[in-house]
Amino acid sequence: MTRGRWTALVAVVAFLAAMGGVFVGRVIIPARHAQTSELHALLHHDLKLDADQEARIEQLEREFAGRRQSLESELRADNARLAAAIEAEHGNGPKVAAAVDASHRAMGELQKATLTHVFAMREVLRPEQRAAFDRAVTKSLTTGAR
């Protein structure tokens, strides 16, 4: 195989790998929404919260909604920068690598913020409610992993 063909093959493979990363990143966010909806249903329908708990959890959810929206916007912007870097470099160059790292940081920040929110909601629950909540969180994190 000539050097030119080898370079083209490497560029195509790098491009496909980067696009796969973008696809995986975009698939993860809807999955988190589904997990959040499942926890929301558990909290508001199954755990029989008292009025004070409902009010406190609603406040936590309002506060987190803005933070989550901001982080998801940041992640979408990072993915757009990754796409632009791929378009510019047509391979796994320094701009692509930097954009991937930025995207990973944004995903990590979103995951950390989500966990902080989940733990804050857990603190509002009574001990008997926490057990069911903990099972639901564990299930949402392991569904599909088995």
C-alpha atoms as a PDB file:
ATOM      1  CA  MET A   1       0.000   0.000   0.000  1.00  0.00           C
ATOM      2  CA  THR A   2       1.376   3.378  -0.938  1.00  0.00           C
ATOM      3  CA  ARG A   3       2.029   6.073   1.635  1.00  0.00           C
ATOM      4  CA  GLY A   4      -0.803   8.220   0.231  1.00  0.00           C
ATOM      5  CA  ARG A   5      -3.333   5.401   0.479  1.00  0.00           C
ATOM      6  CA  TRP A   6      -2.148   4.536   3.968  1.00  0.00           C
ATOM      7  CA  THR A   7      -2.577   8.170   5.063  1.00  0.00           C
ATOM      8  CA  ALA A   8      -6.065   8.290   3.524  1.00  0.00           C
ATOM      9  CA  LEU A   9      -7.023   5.043   5.262  1.00  0.00           C
ATOM     10  CA  VAL A  10      -5.805   6.354   8.637  1.00  0.00           C
ATOM     11  CA  ALA A  11      -7.711   9.609   8.085  1.00  0.00           C
ATOM     12  CA  VAL A  12     -10.932   7.741   7.251  1.00  0.00           C
ATOM     13  CA  VAL A  13     -10.597   5.458  10.288  1.00  0.00           C
ATOM     14  CA  ALA A  14      -9.880   8.421  12.576  1.00  0.00           C
ATOM     15  CA  PHE A  15     -12.866  10.306  11.163  1.00  0.00           C
ATOM     16  CA  LEU A  16     -15.169   7.309  11.680  1.00  0.00           C
ATOM     17  CA  ALA A  17     -13.870   6.841  15.242  1.00  0.00           C
ATOM     18  CA  ALA A  18     -14.470  10.505  16.035  1.00  0.00           C
ATOM     19  CA  MET A  19     -17.965  10.371  14.578  1.00  0.00           C
ATOM     20  CA  GLY A  20     -18.615   7.264  16.668  1.00  0.00           C
ATOM     21  CA  GLY A  21     -17.577   9.235  19.742  1.00  0.00           C
ATOM     22  CA  VAL A  22     -19.956  12.035  18.854  1.00  0.00           C
ATOM     23  CA  PHE A  23     -22.756   9.512  18.317  1.00  0.00           C
ATOM     24  CA  VAL A  24     -22.118   7.848  21.679  1.00  0.00           C
ATOM     25  CA  GLY A  25     -22.070  11.252  23.390  1.00  0.00           C
ATOM     26  CA  ARG A  26     -25.402  12.159  21.867  1.00  0.00           C
ATOM     27  CA  VAL A  27     -26.956   8.819  22.804  1.00  0.00           C
ATOM     28  CA  ILE A  28     -25.879   9.159  26.451  1.00  0.00           C
ATOM     29  CA  ILE A  29     -27.847  12.358  27.086  1.00  0.00           C
ATOM     30  CA  PRO A  30     -31.291  10.947  26.150  1.00  0.00           C
ATOM     31  CA  ALA A  31     -30.528   7.910  28.319  1.00  0.00           C
ATOM     32  CA  ARG A  32     -29.957  10.200  31.296  1.00  0.00           C
ATOM     33  CA  HIS A  33     -33.308  11.869  30.665  1.00  0.00           C
ATOM     34  CA  ALA A  34     -35.004   8.467  30.743  1.00  0.00           C
ATOM     35  CA  GLN A  35     -33.250   7.630  34.017  1.00  0.00           C
ATOM     36  CA  THR A  36     -34.255  10.979  35.480  1.00  0.00           C
ATOM     37  CA  SER A  37     -37.877  10.429  34.439  1.00  0.00           C
ATOM     38  CA  GLU A  38     -37.862   7.035  36.116  1.00  0.00           C
ATOM     39  CA  LEU A  39     -36.533   8.560  39.343  1.00  0.00           C
ATOM     40  CA  HIS A  40     -39.040  11.398  39.040  1.00  0.00           C
ATOM     41  CA  ALA A  41     -41.896   8.901  38.795  1.00  0.00           C
ATOM     42  CA  LEU A  42     -40.575   6.977  41.798  1.00  0.00           C
ATOM     43  CA  LEU A  43     -40.225  10.135  43.861  1.00  0.00           C
ATOM     44  CA  HIS A  44     -43.593  11.636  43.035  1.00  0.00           C
ATOM     45  CA  HIS A  45     -45.748   8.529  42.759  1.00  0.00           C
ATOM     46  CA  ASP A  46     -44.266   5.572  44.615  1.00  0.00           C
ATOM     47  CA  LEU A  47     -42.506   6.944  47.688  1.00  0.00           C
ATOM     48  CA  LYS A  48     -45.490   8.780  49.168  1.00  0.00           C
ATOM     49  CA  LEU A  49     -43.661  11.982  49.990  1.00  0.00           C
ATOM     50  CA  ASP A  50     -45.143  14.350  52.529  1.00  0.00           C
ATOM     51  CA  ALA A  51     -45.838  17.979  51.567  1.00  0.00           C
ATOM     52  CA  ASP A  52     -42.510  19.239  52.931  1.00  0.00           C
ATOM     53  CA  GLN A  53     -40.556  16.597  51.016  1.00  0.00           C
ATOM     54  CA  GLU A  54     -42.477  17.392  47.813  1.00  0.00           C
ATOM     55  CA  ALA A  55     -41.688  21.099  48.165  1.00  0.00           C
ATOM     56  CA  ARG A  56     -38.013  20.502  48.890  1.00  0.00           C
ATOM     57  CA  ILE A  57     -37.582  18.086  45.989  1.00  0.00           C
ATOM     58  CA  GLU A  58     -39.445  20.407  43.613  1.00  0.00           C
ATOM     59  CA  GLN A  59     -37.017  23.180  44.600  1.00  0.00           C
ATOM     60  CA  LEU A  60     -34.030  20.899  43.988  1.00  0.00           C
ATOM     61  CA  GLU A  61     -35.446  19.928  40.596  1.00  0.00           C
ATOM     62  CA  ARG A  62     -35.977  23.567  39.594  1.00  0.00           C
ATOM     63  CA  GLU A  63     -32.417  24.434  40.586  1.00  0.00           C
ATOM     64  CA  PHE A  64     -30.944  21.456  38.773  1.00  0.00           C
ATOM     65  CA  ALA A  65     -32.952  22.012  35.579  1.00  0.00           C
ATOM     66  CA  GLY A  66     -31.046  25.217  34.830  1.00  0.00           C
ATOM     67  CA  ARG A  67     -27.683  23.679  35.656  1.00  0.00           C
ATOM     68  CA  ARG A  68     -28.410  20.605  33.525  1.00  0.00           C
ATOM     69  CA  GLN A  69     -29.561  22.748  30.605  1.00  0.00           C
ATOM     70  CA  SER A  70     -26.372  24.810  30.810  1.00  0.00           C
ATOM     71  CA  LEU A  71     -24.144  21.730  30.907  1.00  0.00           C
ATOM     72  CA  GLU A  72     -26.014  20.065  28.046  1.00  0.00           C
ATOM     73  CA  SER A  73     -25.611  23.248  25.981  1.00  0.00           C
ATOM     74  CA  GLU A  74     -21.894  23.187  26.731  1.00  0.00           C
ATOM     75  CA  LEU A  75     -21.710  19.565  25.625  1.00  0.00           C
ATOM     76  CA  ARG A  76     -23.549  20.338  22.373  1.00  0.00           C
ATOM     77  CA  ALA A  77     -21.136  23.219  21.728  1.00  0.00           C
ATOM     78  CA  ASP A  78     -18.170  20.922  22.396  1.00  0.00           C
ATOM     79  CA  ASN A  79     -19.593  18.385  19.955  1.00  0.00           C
ATOM     80  CA  ALA A  80     -19.967  21.126  17.341  1.00  0.00           C
ATOM     81  CA  ARG A  81     -16.320  22.131  17.907  1.00  0.00           C
ATOM     82  CA  LEU A  82     -15.346  18.473  17.532  1.00  0.00           C
ATOM     83  CA  ALA A  83     -17.216  18.271  14.233  1.00  0.00           C
ATOM     84  CA  ALA A  84     -15.469  21.441  13.030  1.00  0.00           C
ATOM     85  CA  ALA A  85     -12.076  20.066  14.086  1.00  0.00           C
ATOM     86  CA  ILE A  86     -12.745  16.820  12.232  1.00  0.00           C
ATOM     87  CA  GLU A  87     -13.777  18.788   9.166  1.00  0.00           C
ATOM     88  CA  ALA A  88     -10.615  20.912   9.381  1.00  0.00           C
ATOM     89  CA  GLU A  89      -8.110  18.162  10.084  1.00  0.00           C
ATOM     90  CA  HIS A  90      -9.677  15.126   8.402  1.00  0.00           C
ATOM     91  CA  GLY A  91      -7.897  12.997  10.955  1.00  0.00           C
ATOM     92  CA  ASN A  92      -7.053  12.624  14.606  1.00  0.00           C
ATOM     93  CA  GLY A  93      -4.958  15.751  14.861  1.00  0.00           C
ATOM     94  CA  PRO A  94      -4.345  18.114  17.778  1.00  0.00           C
ATOM     95  CA  LYS A  95      -7.596  20.054  17.267  1.00  0.00           C
ATOM     96  CA  VAL A  96      -9.632  16.838  17.231  1.00  0.00           C
ATOM     97  CA  ALA A  97      -7.851  15.544  20.327  1.00  0.00           C
ATOM     98  CA  ALA A  98      -8.443  18.824  22.172  1.00  0.00           C
ATOM     99  CA  ALA A  99     -12.121  18.845  21.164  1.00  0.00           C
ATOM    100  CA  VAL A 100     -12.551  15.248  22.358  1.00  0.00           C
ATOM    101  CA  ASP A 101     -10.960  16.150  25.690  1.00  0.00           C
ATOM    102  CA  ALA A 102     -13.272  19.164  26.054  1.00  0.00           C
ATOM    103  CA  SER A 103     -16.292  16.996  25.264  1.00  0.00           C
ATOM    104  CA  HIS A 104     -15.219  14.441  27.869  1.00  0.00           C
ATOM    105  CA  ARG A 105     -14.805  17.183  30.468  1.00  0.00           C
ATOM    106  CA  ALA A 106     -18.314  18.465  29.725  1.00  0.00           C
ATOM    107  CA  MET A 107     -19.762  14.946  29.982  1.00  0.00           C
ATOM    108  CA  GLY A 108     -17.942  14.462  33.276  1.00  0.00           C
ATOM    109  CA  GLU A 109     -19.246  17.746  34.673  1.00  0.00           C
ATOM    110  CA  LEU A 110     -22.783  16.793  33.676  1.00  0.00           C
ATOM    111  CA  GLN A 111     -22.435  13.416  35.366  1.00  0.00           C
ATOM    112  CA  LYS A 112     -21.002  14.991  38.544  1.00  0.00           C
ATOM    113  CA  ALA A 113     -23.781  17.583  38.667  1.00  0.00           C
ATOM    114  CA  THR A 114     -26.396  14.868  38.152  1.00  0.00           C
ATOM    115  CA  LEU A 115     -24.960  12.802  40.999  1.00  0.00           C
ATOM    116  CA  THR A 116     -24.866  15.844  43.284  1.00  0.00           C
ATOM    117  CA  HIS A 117     -28.540  16.406  42.470  1.00  0.00           C
ATOM    118  CA  VAL A 118     -29.426  12.747  43.091  1.00  0.00           C
ATOM    119  CA  PHE A 119     -27.667  12.795  46.473  1.00  0.00           C
ATOM    120  CA  ALA A 120     -29.384  16.058  47.420  1.00  0.00           C
ATOM    121  CA  MET A 121     -32.786  14.520  46.682  1.00  0.00           C
ATOM    122  CA  ARG A 122     -31.821  11.408  48.648  1.00  0.00           C
ATOM    123  CA  GLU A 123     -31.160  13.552  51.723  1.00  0.00           C
ATOM    124  CA  VAL A 124     -34.794  14.721  51.675  1.00  0.00           C
ATOM    125  CA  LEU A 125     -36.061  11.148  51.986  1.00  0.00           C
ATOM    126  CA  ARG A 126     -36.823   9.153  55.102  1.00  0.00           C
ATOM    127  CA  PRO A 127     -34.696   5.997  55.672  1.00  0.00           C
ATOM    128  CA  GLU A 128     -37.390   3.617  54.384  1.00  0.00           C
ATOM    129  CA  GLN A 129     -37.785   5.752  51.245  1.00  0.00           C
ATOM    130  CA  ARG A 130     -34.037   5.874  50.681  1.00  0.00           C
ATOM    131  CA  ALA A 131     -33.818   2.108  50.260  1.00  0.00           C
ATOM    132  CA  ALA A 132     -36.278   2.135  47.330  1.00  0.00           C
ATOM    133  CA  PHE A 133     -34.604   5.241  45.890  1.00  0.00           C
ATOM    134  CA  ASP A 134     -31.157   3.618  46.112  1.00  0.00           C
ATOM    135  CA  ARG A 135     -32.442   0.508  44.312  1.00  0.00           C
ATOM    136  CA  ALA A 136     -33.897   2.664  41.522  1.00  0.00           C
ATOM    137  CA  VAL A 137     -30.643   4.624  41.137  1.00  0.00           C
ATOM    138  CA  THR A 138     -28.616   1.403  41.008  1.00  0.00           C
ATOM    139  CA  LYS A 139     -31.020  -0.094  38.470  1.00  0.00           C
ATOM    140  CA  SER A 140     -30.866   2.998  36.254  1.00  0.00           C
ATOM    141  CA  LEU A 141     -27.069   2.922  36.276  1.00  0.00           C
ATOM    142  CA  THR A 142     -26.778  -0.804  35.543  1.00  0.00           C
ATOM    143  CA  THR A 143     -29.604  -1.301  33.047  1.00  0.00           C
ATOM    144  CA  GLY A 144     -28.025  -2.458  29.826  1.00  0.00           C
ATOM    145  CA  ALA A 145     -24.661  -3.064  31.487  1.00  0.00           C
ATOM    146  CA  ARG A 146     -25.448  -6.667  32.283  1.00  0.00           C
END
